[in-house]
Amino acid sequence: MLSGAKLLFIVMIVANINMWEWLGQETPSWWTWFTTNKIYACMMVFFLCNAVEGQLVSTGAFEITFNDVPVWSKLETGRIPQPPELFQIIDNHVRFNQNTNTWSDNI
């Protein structure tokens, strides 16, 4: 979502679109600076948003659920699973669900 907002903001700077006119507000001085210094403004928006995105990714919140059952937590394990490991976990959950459904059908 932040990447999309970043790109939209950069397009608005390059196209010289003043969103505050649409909102009936006075144009802020920083927006005037952005539209007169497009290259610097676009680079600043790009790099600042990338820094924020990097911080959001590195917070440690990485949770995986399968059929509403938590199967991996980076907060608990301290790492992100390797793809083969994740596929094995999901495969085990699928097999467990199949065995549980077969067992309950036999009862």
PDB file of N, CA and C in Angstrom:
ATOM      1  N   MET A   1       0.827  -1.176   0.000  1.00  0.00           N
ATOM      2  CA  MET A   1       0.000   0.000   0.000  1.00  0.00           C
ATOM      3  C   MET A   1       0.883   1.254   0.000  1.00  0.00           C
ATOM      4  N   LEU A   2       1.961   1.206   0.776  1.00  0.00           N
ATOM      5  CA  LEU A   2       2.867   2.345   0.831  1.00  0.00           C
ATOM      6  C   LEU A   2       3.573   2.548  -0.506  1.00  0.00           C
ATOM      7  N   SER A   3       3.914   1.473  -1.187  1.00  0.00           N
ATOM      8  CA  SER A   3       4.563   1.587  -2.506  1.00  0.00           C
ATOM      9  C   SER A   3       3.635   2.258  -3.505  1.00  0.00           C
ATOM     10  N   GLY A   4       2.377   1.904  -3.482  1.00  0.00           N
ATOM     11  CA  GLY A   4       1.405   2.525  -4.375  1.00  0.00           C
ATOM     12  C   GLY A   4       1.237   4.004  -4.090  1.00  0.00           C
ATOM     13  N   ALA A   5       1.188   4.355  -2.805  1.00  0.00           N
ATOM     14  CA  ALA A   5       1.066   5.766  -2.425  1.00  0.00           C
ATOM     15  C   ALA A   5       2.309   6.536  -2.843  1.00  0.00           C
ATOM     16  N   LYS A   6       3.465   5.910  -2.695  1.00  0.00           N
ATOM     17  CA  LYS A   6       4.719   6.550  -3.106  1.00  0.00           C
ATOM     18  C   LYS A   6       4.700   6.859  -4.598  1.00  0.00           C
ATOM     19  N   LEU A   7       4.322   5.875  -5.410  1.00  0.00           N
ATOM     20  CA  LEU A   7       4.282   6.078  -6.856  1.00  0.00           C
ATOM     21  C   LEU A   7       3.244   7.126  -7.251  1.00  0.00           C
ATOM     22  N   LEU A   8       2.102   7.113  -6.599  1.00  0.00           N
ATOM     23  CA  LEU A   8       1.073   8.114  -6.869  1.00  0.00           C
ATOM     24  C   LEU A   8       1.575   9.510  -6.522  1.00  0.00           C
ATOM     25  N   PHE A   9       2.251   9.645  -5.405  1.00  0.00           N
ATOM     26  CA  PHE A   9       2.799  10.921  -4.977  1.00  0.00           C
ATOM     27  C   PHE A   9       3.830  11.438  -5.978  1.00  0.00           C
ATOM     28  N   ILE A  10       4.706  10.542  -6.453  1.00  0.00           N
ATOM     29  CA  ILE A  10       5.723  10.927  -7.442  1.00  0.00           C
ATOM     30  C   ILE A  10       5.066  11.358  -8.747  1.00  0.00           C
ATOM     31  N   VAL A  11       4.038  10.634  -9.193  1.00  0.00           N
ATOM     32  CA  VAL A  11       3.325  11.010 -10.424  1.00  0.00           C
ATOM     33  C   VAL A  11       2.675  12.380 -10.252  1.00  0.00           C
ATOM     34  N   MET A  12       2.111  12.635  -9.075  1.00  0.00           N
ATOM     35  CA  MET A  12       1.485  13.940  -8.839  1.00  0.00           C
ATOM     36  C   MET A  12       2.514  15.067  -8.874  1.00  0.00           C
ATOM     37  N   ILE A  13       3.720  14.791  -8.376  1.00  0.00           N
ATOM     38  CA  ILE A  13       4.776  15.807  -8.416  1.00  0.00           C
ATOM     39  C   ILE A  13       5.194  16.072  -9.861  1.00  0.00           C
ATOM     40  N   VAL A  14       5.451  15.000 -10.615  1.00  0.00           N
ATOM     41  CA  VAL A  14       5.917  15.144 -11.998  1.00  0.00           C
ATOM     42  C   VAL A  14       4.848  15.800 -12.874  1.00  0.00           C
ATOM     43  N   ALA A  15       3.587  15.417 -12.677  1.00  0.00           N
ATOM     44  CA  ALA A  15       2.495  15.961 -13.487  1.00  0.00           C
ATOM     45  C   ALA A  15       2.017  17.317 -12.992  1.00  0.00           C
ATOM     46  N   ASN A  16       2.597  17.802 -11.903  1.00  0.00           N
ATOM     47  CA  ASN A  16       2.247  19.102 -11.337  1.00  0.00           C
ATOM     48  C   ASN A  16       0.763  19.175 -10.948  1.00  0.00           C
ATOM     49  N   ILE A  17       0.273  18.087 -10.352  1.00  0.00           N
ATOM     50  CA  ILE A  17      -1.120  18.012  -9.910  1.00  0.00           C
ATOM     51  C   ILE A  17      -1.192  18.529  -8.477  1.00  0.00           C
ATOM     52  N   ASN A  18      -2.059  19.512  -8.254  1.00  0.00           N
ATOM     53  CA  ASN A  18      -2.208  20.094  -6.929  1.00  0.00           C
ATOM     54  C   ASN A  18      -3.480  19.539  -6.278  1.00  0.00           C
ATOM     55  N   MET A  19      -3.300  18.558  -5.402  1.00  0.00           N
ATOM     56  CA  MET A  19      -4.447  17.911  -4.767  1.00  0.00           C
ATOM     57  C   MET A  19      -5.162  18.835  -3.786  1.00  0.00           C
ATOM     58  N   TRP A  20      -4.469  19.857  -3.295  1.00  0.00           N
ATOM     59  CA  TRP A  20      -5.097  20.759  -2.340  1.00  0.00           C
ATOM     60  C   TRP A  20      -6.131  21.662  -3.007  1.00  0.00           C
ATOM     61  N   GLU A  21      -5.976  21.922  -4.287  1.00  0.00           N
ATOM     62  CA  GLU A  21      -7.011  22.668  -5.014  1.00  0.00           C
ATOM     63  C   GLU A  21      -8.293  21.864  -5.072  1.00  0.00           C
ATOM     64  N   TRP A  22      -8.153  20.559  -5.275  1.00  0.00           N
ATOM     65  CA  TRP A  22      -9.329  19.682  -5.317  1.00  0.00           C
ATOM     66  C   TRP A  22     -10.042  19.677  -3.968  1.00  0.00           C
ATOM     67  N   LEU A  23      -9.246  19.762  -2.895  1.00  0.00           N
ATOM     68  CA  LEU A  23      -9.812  19.719  -1.549  1.00  0.00           C
ATOM     69  C   LEU A  23     -10.267  21.089  -1.053  1.00  0.00           C
ATOM     70  N   GLY A  24     -10.018  22.121  -1.859  1.00  0.00           N
ATOM     71  CA  GLY A  24     -10.419  23.467  -1.471  1.00  0.00           C
ATOM     72  C   GLY A  24      -9.540  24.054  -0.382  1.00  0.00           C
ATOM     73  N   GLN A  25      -8.317  23.568  -0.279  1.00  0.00           N
ATOM     74  CA  GLN A  25      -7.380  24.027   0.742  1.00  0.00           C
ATOM     75  C   GLN A  25      -6.298  24.905   0.119  1.00  0.00           C
ATOM     76  N   GLU A  26      -5.626  25.662   0.946  1.00  0.00           N
ATOM     77  CA  GLU A  26      -4.496  26.457   0.495  1.00  0.00           C
ATOM     78  C   GLU A  26      -3.307  25.524   0.250  1.00  0.00           C
ATOM     79  N   THR A  27      -2.582  25.777  -0.831  1.00  0.00           N
ATOM     80  CA  THR A  27      -1.437  24.935  -1.178  1.00  0.00           C
ATOM     81  C   THR A  27      -0.309  25.164  -0.174  1.00  0.00           C
ATOM     82  N   PRO A  28       0.175  24.081   0.473  1.00  0.00           N
ATOM     83  CA  PRO A  28       1.274  24.235   1.430  1.00  0.00           C
ATOM     84  C   PRO A  28       2.565  24.649   0.724  1.00  0.00           C
ATOM     85  N   SER A  29       3.437  25.327   1.449  1.00  0.00           N
ATOM     86  CA  SER A  29       4.696  25.791   0.848  1.00  0.00           C
ATOM     87  C   SER A  29       5.598  24.630   0.456  1.00  0.00           C
ATOM     88  N   TRP A  30       5.537  23.527   1.199  1.00  0.00           N
ATOM     89  CA  TRP A  30       6.384  22.393   0.842  1.00  0.00           C
ATOM     90  C   TRP A  30       5.951  21.771  -0.483  1.00  0.00           C
ATOM     91  N   TRP A  31       4.647  21.812  -0.781  1.00  0.00           N
ATOM     92  CA  TRP A  31       4.185  21.272  -2.067  1.00  0.00           C
ATOM     93  C   TRP A  31       4.653  22.156  -3.223  1.00  0.00           C
ATOM     94  N   THR A  32       4.656  23.463  -2.998  1.00  0.00           N
ATOM     95  CA  THR A  32       5.169  24.383  -4.008  1.00  0.00           C
ATOM     96  C   THR A  32       6.649  24.098  -4.265  1.00  0.00           C
ATOM     97  N   TRP A  33       7.411  23.851  -3.193  1.00  0.00           N
ATOM     98  CA  TRP A  33       8.818  23.504  -3.357  1.00  0.00           C
ATOM     99  C   TRP A  33       8.964  22.203  -4.134  1.00  0.00           C
ATOM    100  N   PHE A  34       8.118  21.199  -3.807  1.00  0.00           N
ATOM    101  CA  PHE A  34       8.163  19.908  -4.511  1.00  0.00           C
ATOM    102  C   PHE A  34       7.949  20.094  -6.009  1.00  0.00           C
ATOM    103  N   THR A  35       6.964  20.896  -6.385  1.00  0.00           N
ATOM    104  CA  THR A  35       6.646  21.044  -7.809  1.00  0.00           C
ATOM    105  C   THR A  35       7.669  21.904  -8.547  1.00  0.00           C
ATOM    106  N   THR A  36       8.398  22.757  -7.839  1.00  0.00           N
ATOM    107  CA  THR A  36       9.432  23.545  -8.514  1.00  0.00           C
ATOM    108  C   THR A  36      10.775  22.819  -8.544  1.00  0.00           C
ATOM    109  N   ASN A  37      10.982  21.868  -7.660  1.00  0.00           N
ATOM    110  CA  ASN A  37      12.225  21.076  -7.597  1.00  0.00           C
ATOM    111  C   ASN A  37      11.877  19.599  -7.758  1.00  0.00           C
ATOM    112  N   LYS A  38      11.356  19.241  -8.915  1.00  0.00           N
ATOM    113  CA  LYS A  38      10.800  17.904  -9.139  1.00  0.00           C
ATOM    114  C   LYS A  38      11.812  16.773  -8.933  1.00  0.00           C
ATOM    115  N   ILE A  39      13.015  16.931  -9.448  1.00  0.00           N
ATOM    116  CA  ILE A  39      14.005  15.849  -9.346  1.00  0.00           C
ATOM    117  C   ILE A  39      14.353  15.584  -7.887  1.00  0.00           C
ATOM    118  N   TYR A  40      14.678  16.632  -7.155  1.00  0.00           N
ATOM    119  CA  TYR A  40      15.017  16.453  -5.741  1.00  0.00           C
ATOM    120  C   TYR A  40      13.834  15.918  -4.943  1.00  0.00           C
ATOM    121  N   ALA A  41      12.663  16.433  -5.224  1.00  0.00           N
ATOM    122  CA  ALA A  41      11.473  16.001  -4.495  1.00  0.00           C
ATOM    123  C   ALA A  41      11.170  14.531  -4.757  1.00  0.00           C
ATOM    124  N   CYS A  42      11.243  14.115  -6.024  1.00  0.00           N
ATOM    125  CA  CYS A  42      10.959  12.712  -6.353  1.00  0.00           C
ATOM    126  C   CYS A  42      11.980  11.785  -5.712  1.00  0.00           C
ATOM    127  N   MET A  43      13.251  12.185  -5.747  1.00  0.00           N
ATOM    128  CA  MET A  43      14.278  11.355  -5.109  1.00  0.00           C
ATOM    129  C   MET A  43      14.058  11.286  -3.599  1.00  0.00           C
ATOM    130  N   MET A  44      13.703  12.418  -2.994  1.00  0.00           N
ATOM    131  CA  MET A  44      13.472  12.438  -1.559  1.00  0.00           C
ATOM    132  C   MET A  44      12.286  11.542  -1.186  1.00  0.00           C
ATOM    133  N   VAL A  45      11.189  11.664  -1.917  1.00  0.00           N
ATOM    134  CA  VAL A  45      10.011  10.827  -1.641  1.00  0.00           C
ATOM    135  C   VAL A  45      10.358   9.354  -1.829  1.00  0.00           C
ATOM    136  N   PHE A  46      11.061   9.038  -2.901  1.00  0.00           N
ATOM    137  CA  PHE A  46      11.423   7.643  -3.195  1.00  0.00           C
ATOM    138  C   PHE A  46      12.268   7.055  -2.074  1.00  0.00           C
ATOM    139  N   PHE A  47      13.335   7.750  -1.691  1.00  0.00           N
ATOM    140  CA  PHE A  47      14.242   7.194  -0.686  1.00  0.00           C
ATOM    141  C   PHE A  47      13.641   7.196   0.718  1.00  0.00           C
ATOM    142  N   LEU A  48      12.887   8.211   1.068  1.00  0.00           N
ATOM    143  CA  LEU A  48      12.257   8.217   2.387  1.00  0.00           C
ATOM    144  C   LEU A  48      11.211   7.112   2.507  1.00  0.00           C
ATOM    145  N   CYS A  49      10.411   6.930   1.456  1.00  0.00           N
ATOM    146  CA  CYS A  49       9.412   5.853   1.498  1.00  0.00           C
ATOM    147  C   CYS A  49      10.077   4.487   1.543  1.00  0.00           C
ATOM    148  N   ASN A  50      11.185   4.316   0.812  1.00  0.00           N
ATOM    149  CA  ASN A  50      11.903   3.042   0.872  1.00  0.00           C
ATOM    150  C   ASN A  50      12.454   2.789   2.270  1.00  0.00           C
ATOM    151  N   ALA A  51      12.930   3.837   2.939  1.00  0.00           N
ATOM    152  CA  ALA A  51      13.427   3.679   4.309  1.00  0.00           C
ATOM    153  C   ALA A  51      12.292   3.260   5.246  1.00  0.00           C
ATOM    154  N   VAL A  52      11.125   3.877   5.093  1.00  0.00           N
ATOM    155  CA  VAL A  52       9.972   3.509   5.932  1.00  0.00           C
ATOM    156  C   VAL A  52       9.537   2.080   5.632  1.00  0.00           C
ATOM    157  N   GLU A  53       9.488   1.710   4.352  1.00  0.00           N
ATOM    158  CA  GLU A  53       9.113   0.339   3.988  1.00  0.00           C
ATOM    159  C   GLU A  53      10.096  -0.665   4.585  1.00  0.00           C
ATOM    160  N   GLY A  54      11.375  -0.345   4.560  1.00  0.00           N
ATOM    161  CA  GLY A  54      12.387  -1.223   5.145  1.00  0.00           C
ATOM    162  C   GLY A  54      12.197  -1.399   6.633  1.00  0.00           C
ATOM    163  N   GLN A  55      11.850  -0.330   7.327  1.00  0.00           N
ATOM    164  CA  GLN A  55      11.593  -0.417   8.760  1.00  0.00           C
ATOM    165  C   GLN A  55      10.364  -1.265   9.056  1.00  0.00           C
ATOM    166  N   LEU A  56       9.325  -1.118   8.242  1.00  0.00           N
ATOM    167  CA  LEU A  56       8.110  -1.901   8.466  1.00  0.00           C
ATOM    168  C   LEU A  56       8.363  -3.384   8.263  1.00  0.00           C
ATOM    169  N   VAL A  57       9.202  -3.728   7.295  1.00  0.00           N
ATOM    170  CA  VAL A  57       9.490  -5.131   7.018  1.00  0.00           C
ATOM    171  C   VAL A  57      10.365  -5.722   8.117  1.00  0.00           C
ATOM    172  N   SER A  58      11.269  -4.932   8.669  1.00  0.00           N
ATOM    173  CA  SER A  58      12.218  -5.466   9.643  1.00  0.00           C
ATOM    174  C   SER A  58      11.699  -5.473  11.077  1.00  0.00           C
ATOM    175  N   THR A  59      10.437  -5.188  11.297  1.00  0.00           N
ATOM    176  CA  THR A  59       9.908  -5.151  12.661  1.00  0.00           C
ATOM    177  C   THR A  59       9.825  -6.527  13.295  1.00  0.00           C
ATOM    178  N   GLY A  60       9.863  -7.580  12.514  1.00  0.00           N
ATOM    179  CA  GLY A  60       9.806  -8.914  13.070  1.00  0.00           C
ATOM    180  C   GLY A  60       8.444  -9.563  12.966  1.00  0.00           C
ATOM    181  N   ALA A  61       7.453  -8.813  12.573  1.00  0.00           N
ATOM    182  CA  ALA A  61       6.110  -9.368  12.466  1.00  0.00           C
ATOM    183  C   ALA A  61       5.996 -10.126  11.145  1.00  0.00           C
ATOM    184  N   PHE A  62       6.105 -11.423  11.206  1.00  0.00           N
ATOM    185  CA  PHE A  62       5.972 -12.272  10.030  1.00  0.00           C
ATOM    186  C   PHE A  62       5.279 -13.542  10.489  1.00  0.00           C
ATOM    187  N   GLU A  63       3.991 -13.599  10.287  1.00  0.00           N
ATOM    188  CA  GLU A  63       3.180 -14.715  10.752  1.00  0.00           C
ATOM    189  C   GLU A  63       2.548 -15.409   9.547  1.00  0.00           C
ATOM    190  N   ILE A  64       2.560 -16.726   9.541  1.00  0.00           N
ATOM    191  CA  ILE A  64       1.940 -17.504   8.460  1.00  0.00           C
ATOM    192  C   ILE A  64       0.850 -18.361   9.070  1.00  0.00           C
ATOM    193  N   THR A  65      -0.335 -18.292   8.475  1.00  0.00           N
ATOM    194  CA  THR A  65      -1.438 -19.141   8.904  1.00  0.00           C
ATOM    195  C   THR A  65      -1.899 -19.981   7.714  1.00  0.00           C
ATOM    196  N   PHE A  66      -2.398 -21.161   8.021  1.00  0.00           N
ATOM    197  CA  PHE A  66      -2.929 -22.062   6.997  1.00  0.00           C
ATOM    198  C   PHE A  66      -4.257 -22.573   7.510  1.00  0.00           C
ATOM    199  N   ASN A  67      -5.342 -22.264   6.792  1.00  0.00           N
ATOM    200  CA  ASN A  67      -6.696 -22.609   7.229  1.00  0.00           C
ATOM    201  C   ASN A  67      -6.963 -22.075   8.640  1.00  0.00           C
ATOM    202  N   ASP A  68      -6.587 -20.820   8.855  1.00  0.00           N
ATOM    203  CA  ASP A  68      -6.783 -20.125  10.132  1.00  0.00           C
ATOM    204  C   ASP A  68      -6.029 -20.754  11.300  1.00  0.00           C
ATOM    205  N   VAL A  69      -5.014 -21.569  11.008  1.00  0.00           N
ATOM    206  CA  VAL A  69      -4.177 -22.168  12.042  1.00  0.00           C
ATOM    207  C   VAL A  69      -2.771 -21.586  11.883  1.00  0.00           C
ATOM    208  N   PRO A  70      -2.214 -20.975  12.932  1.00  0.00           N
ATOM    209  CA  PRO A  70      -0.855 -20.440  12.806  1.00  0.00           C
ATOM    210  C   PRO A  70       0.153 -21.568  12.600  1.00  0.00           C
ATOM    211  N   VAL A  71       0.965 -21.452  11.551  1.00  0.00           N
ATOM    212  CA  VAL A  71       1.955 -22.492  11.270  1.00  0.00           C
ATOM    213  C   VAL A  71       3.386 -21.972  11.408  1.00  0.00           C
ATOM    214  N   TRP A  72       3.587 -20.647  11.393  1.00  0.00           N
ATOM    215  CA  TRP A  72       4.935 -20.114  11.561  1.00  0.00           C
ATOM    216  C   TRP A  72       4.849 -18.721  12.158  1.00  0.00           C
ATOM    217  N   SER A  73       5.745 -18.424  13.066  1.00  0.00           N
ATOM    218  CA  SER A  73       5.836 -17.104  13.671  1.00  0.00           C
ATOM    219  C   SER A  73       7.304 -16.705  13.757  1.00  0.00           C
ATOM    220  N   LYS A  74       7.649 -15.626  13.065  1.00  0.00           N
ATOM    221  CA  LYS A  74       9.019 -15.138  13.147  1.00  0.00           C
ATOM    222  C   LYS A  74       9.314 -14.616  14.544  1.00  0.00           C
ATOM    223  N   LEU A  75       8.292 -14.097  15.212  1.00  0.00           N
ATOM    224  CA  LEU A  75       8.495 -13.600  16.571  1.00  0.00           C
ATOM    225  C   LEU A  75       8.881 -14.726  17.526  1.00  0.00           C
ATOM    226  N   GLU A  76       8.333 -15.928  17.308  1.00  0.00           N
ATOM    227  CA  GLU A  76       8.651 -17.059  18.177  1.00  0.00           C
ATOM    228  C   GLU A  76       9.963 -17.734  17.791  1.00  0.00           C
ATOM    229  N   THR A  77      10.212 -17.887  16.484  1.00  0.00           N
ATOM    230  CA  THR A  77      11.399 -18.610  16.026  1.00  0.00           C
ATOM    231  C   THR A  77      12.600 -17.703  15.806  1.00  0.00           C
ATOM    232  N   GLY A  78      12.347 -16.423  15.556  1.00  0.00           N
ATOM    233  CA  GLY A  78      13.440 -15.492  15.316  1.00  0.00           C
ATOM    234  C   GLY A  78      13.967 -15.507  13.899  1.00  0.00           C
ATOM    235  N   ARG A  79      13.283 -16.194  13.003  1.00  0.00           N
ATOM    236  CA  ARG A  79      13.740 -16.244  11.607  1.00  0.00           C
ATOM    237  C   ARG A  79      12.569 -16.491  10.670  1.00  0.00           C
ATOM    238  N   ILE A  80      12.831 -16.307   9.386  1.00  0.00           N
ATOM    239  CA  ILE A  80      11.842 -16.580   8.339  1.00  0.00           C
ATOM    240  C   ILE A  80      12.122 -17.984   7.812  1.00  0.00           C
ATOM    241  N   PRO A  81      11.095 -18.803   7.571  1.00  0.00           N
ATOM    242  CA  PRO A  81      11.348 -20.174   7.119  1.00  0.00           C
ATOM    243  C   PRO A  81      11.882 -20.216   5.684  1.00  0.00           C
ATOM    244  N   GLN A  82      12.685 -21.216   5.421  1.00  0.00           N
ATOM    245  CA  GLN A  82      13.147 -21.468   4.064  1.00  0.00           C
ATOM    246  C   GLN A  82      11.988 -22.068   3.271  1.00  0.00           C
ATOM    247  N   PRO A  83      11.909 -21.817   1.959  1.00  0.00           N
ATOM    248  CA  PRO A  83      10.775 -22.345   1.178  1.00  0.00           C
ATOM    249  C   PRO A  83      10.541 -23.841   1.331  1.00  0.00           C
ATOM    250  N   PRO A  84      11.589 -24.716   1.253  1.00  0.00           N
ATOM    251  CA  PRO A  84      11.301 -26.152   1.427  1.00  0.00           C
ATOM    252  C   PRO A  84      10.714 -26.467   2.809  1.00  0.00           C
ATOM    253  N   GLU A  85      11.210 -25.767   3.802  1.00  0.00           N
ATOM    254  CA  GLU A  85      10.713 -25.970   5.161  1.00  0.00           C
ATOM    255  C   GLU A  85       9.243 -25.569   5.265  1.00  0.00           C
ATOM    256  N   LEU A  86       8.892 -24.439   4.658  1.00  0.00           N
ATOM    257  CA  LEU A  86       7.505 -23.967   4.671  1.00  0.00           C
ATOM    258  C   LEU A  86       6.595 -24.934   3.922  1.00  0.00           C
ATOM    259  N   PHE A  87       7.049 -25.425   2.770  1.00  0.00           N
ATOM    260  CA  PHE A  87       6.246 -26.388   2.014  1.00  0.00           C
ATOM    261  C   PHE A  87       6.027 -27.663   2.816  1.00  0.00           C
ATOM    262  N   GLN A  88       7.039 -28.106   3.567  1.00  0.00           N
ATOM    263  CA  GLN A  88       6.906 -29.311   4.393  1.00  0.00           C
ATOM    264  C   GLN A  88       5.885 -29.085   5.506  1.00  0.00           C
ATOM    265  N   ILE A  89       5.916 -27.915   6.123  1.00  0.00           N
ATOM    266  CA  ILE A  89       4.954 -27.592   7.188  1.00  0.00           C
ATOM    267  C   ILE A  89       3.531 -27.611   6.641  1.00  0.00           C
ATOM    268  N   ILE A  90       3.334 -26.978   5.482  1.00  0.00           N
ATOM    269  CA  ILE A  90       1.998 -26.948   4.873  1.00  0.00           C
ATOM    270  C   ILE A  90       1.554 -28.345   4.477  1.00  0.00           C
ATOM    271  N   ASP A  91       2.472 -29.129   3.917  1.00  0.00           N
ATOM    272  CA  ASP A  91       2.150 -30.510   3.536  1.00  0.00           C
ATOM    273  C   ASP A  91       1.743 -31.324   4.762  1.00  0.00           C
ATOM    274  N   ASN A  92       2.432 -31.143   5.870  1.00  0.00           N
ATOM    275  CA  ASN A  92       2.075 -31.855   7.105  1.00  0.00           C
ATOM    276  C   ASN A  92       0.690 -31.450   7.595  1.00  0.00           C
ATOM    277  N   HIS A  93       0.350 -30.175   7.492  1.00  0.00           N
ATOM    278  CA  HIS A  93      -0.980 -29.723   7.915  1.00  0.00           C
ATOM    279  C   HIS A  93      -2.071 -30.285   7.008  1.00  0.00           C
ATOM    280  N   VAL A  94      -1.795 -30.373   5.715  1.00  0.00           N
ATOM    281  CA  VAL A  94      -2.772 -30.950   4.786  1.00  0.00           C
ATOM    282  C   VAL A  94      -2.982 -32.419   5.104  1.00  0.00           C
ATOM    283  N   ARG A  95      -1.898 -33.157   5.314  1.00  0.00           N
ATOM    284  CA  ARG A  95      -2.007 -34.585   5.663  1.00  0.00           C
ATOM    285  C   ARG A  95      -2.738 -34.782   6.990  1.00  0.00           C
ATOM    286  N   PHE A  96      -2.432 -33.934   7.977  1.00  0.00           N
ATOM    287  CA  PHE A  96      -3.097 -34.029   9.276  1.00  0.00           C
ATOM    288  C   PHE A  96      -4.596 -33.801   9.127  1.00  0.00           C
ATOM    289  N   ASN A  97      -4.967 -32.781   8.319  1.00  0.00           N
ATOM    290  CA  ASN A  97      -6.393 -32.505   8.106  1.00  0.00           C
ATOM    291  C   ASN A  97      -7.074 -33.654   7.371  1.00  0.00           C
ATOM    292  N   GLN A  98      -6.395 -34.274   6.414  1.00  0.00           N
ATOM    293  CA  GLN A  98      -6.979 -35.417   5.700  1.00  0.00           C
ATOM    294  C   GLN A  98      -7.160 -36.602   6.643  1.00  0.00           C
ATOM    295  N   ASN A  99      -6.153 -36.853   7.496  1.00  0.00           N
ATOM    296  CA  ASN A  99      -6.267 -37.962   8.448  1.00  0.00           C
ATOM    297  C   ASN A  99      -7.361 -37.695   9.481  1.00  0.00           C
ATOM    298  N   THR A 100      -7.494 -36.465   9.930  1.00  0.00           N
ATOM    299  CA  THR A 100      -8.520 -36.117  10.895  1.00  0.00           C
ATOM    300  C   THR A 100      -9.902 -36.282  10.278  1.00  0.00           C
ATOM    301  N   ASN A 101     -10.070 -35.850   9.020  1.00  0.00           N
ATOM    302  CA  ASN A 101     -11.365 -35.980   8.353  1.00  0.00           C
ATOM    303  C   ASN A 101     -11.689 -37.451   8.116  1.00  0.00           C
ATOM    304  N   THR A 102     -10.714 -38.268   7.748  1.00  0.00           N
ATOM    305  CA  THR A 102     -10.941 -39.697   7.527  1.00  0.00           C
ATOM    306  C   THR A 102     -11.312 -40.386   8.844  1.00  0.00           C
ATOM    307  N   TRP A 103     -10.612 -40.029   9.923  1.00  0.00           N
ATOM    308  CA  TRP A 103     -10.889 -40.612  11.227  1.00  0.00           C
ATOM    309  C   TRP A 103     -12.289 -40.244  11.706  1.00  0.00           C
ATOM    310  N   SER A 104     -12.692 -38.963  11.538  1.00  0.00           N
ATOM    311  CA  SER A 104     -14.016 -38.554  12.001  1.00  0.00           C
ATOM    312  C   SER A 104     -15.125 -39.153  11.139  1.00  0.00           C
ATOM    313  N   ASP A 105     -14.837 -39.425   9.862  1.00  0.00           N
ATOM    314  CA  ASP A 105     -15.827 -40.047   8.990  1.00  0.00           C
ATOM    315  C   ASP A 105     -16.071 -41.503   9.401  1.00  0.00           C
ATOM    316  N   ASN A 106     -15.031 -42.173   9.935  1.00  0.00           N
ATOM    317  CA  ASN A 106     -15.151 -43.572  10.318  1.00  0.00           C
ATOM    318  C   ASN A 106     -15.921 -43.747  11.631  1.00  0.00           C
ATOM    319  N   ILE A 107     -16.021 -42.676  12.397  1.00  0.00           N
ATOM    320  CA  ILE A 107     -16.700 -42.791  13.702  1.00  0.00           C
ATOM    321  C   ILE A 107     -18.172 -42.770  13.554  1.00  0.00           C
TER     322      ILE A 107
END
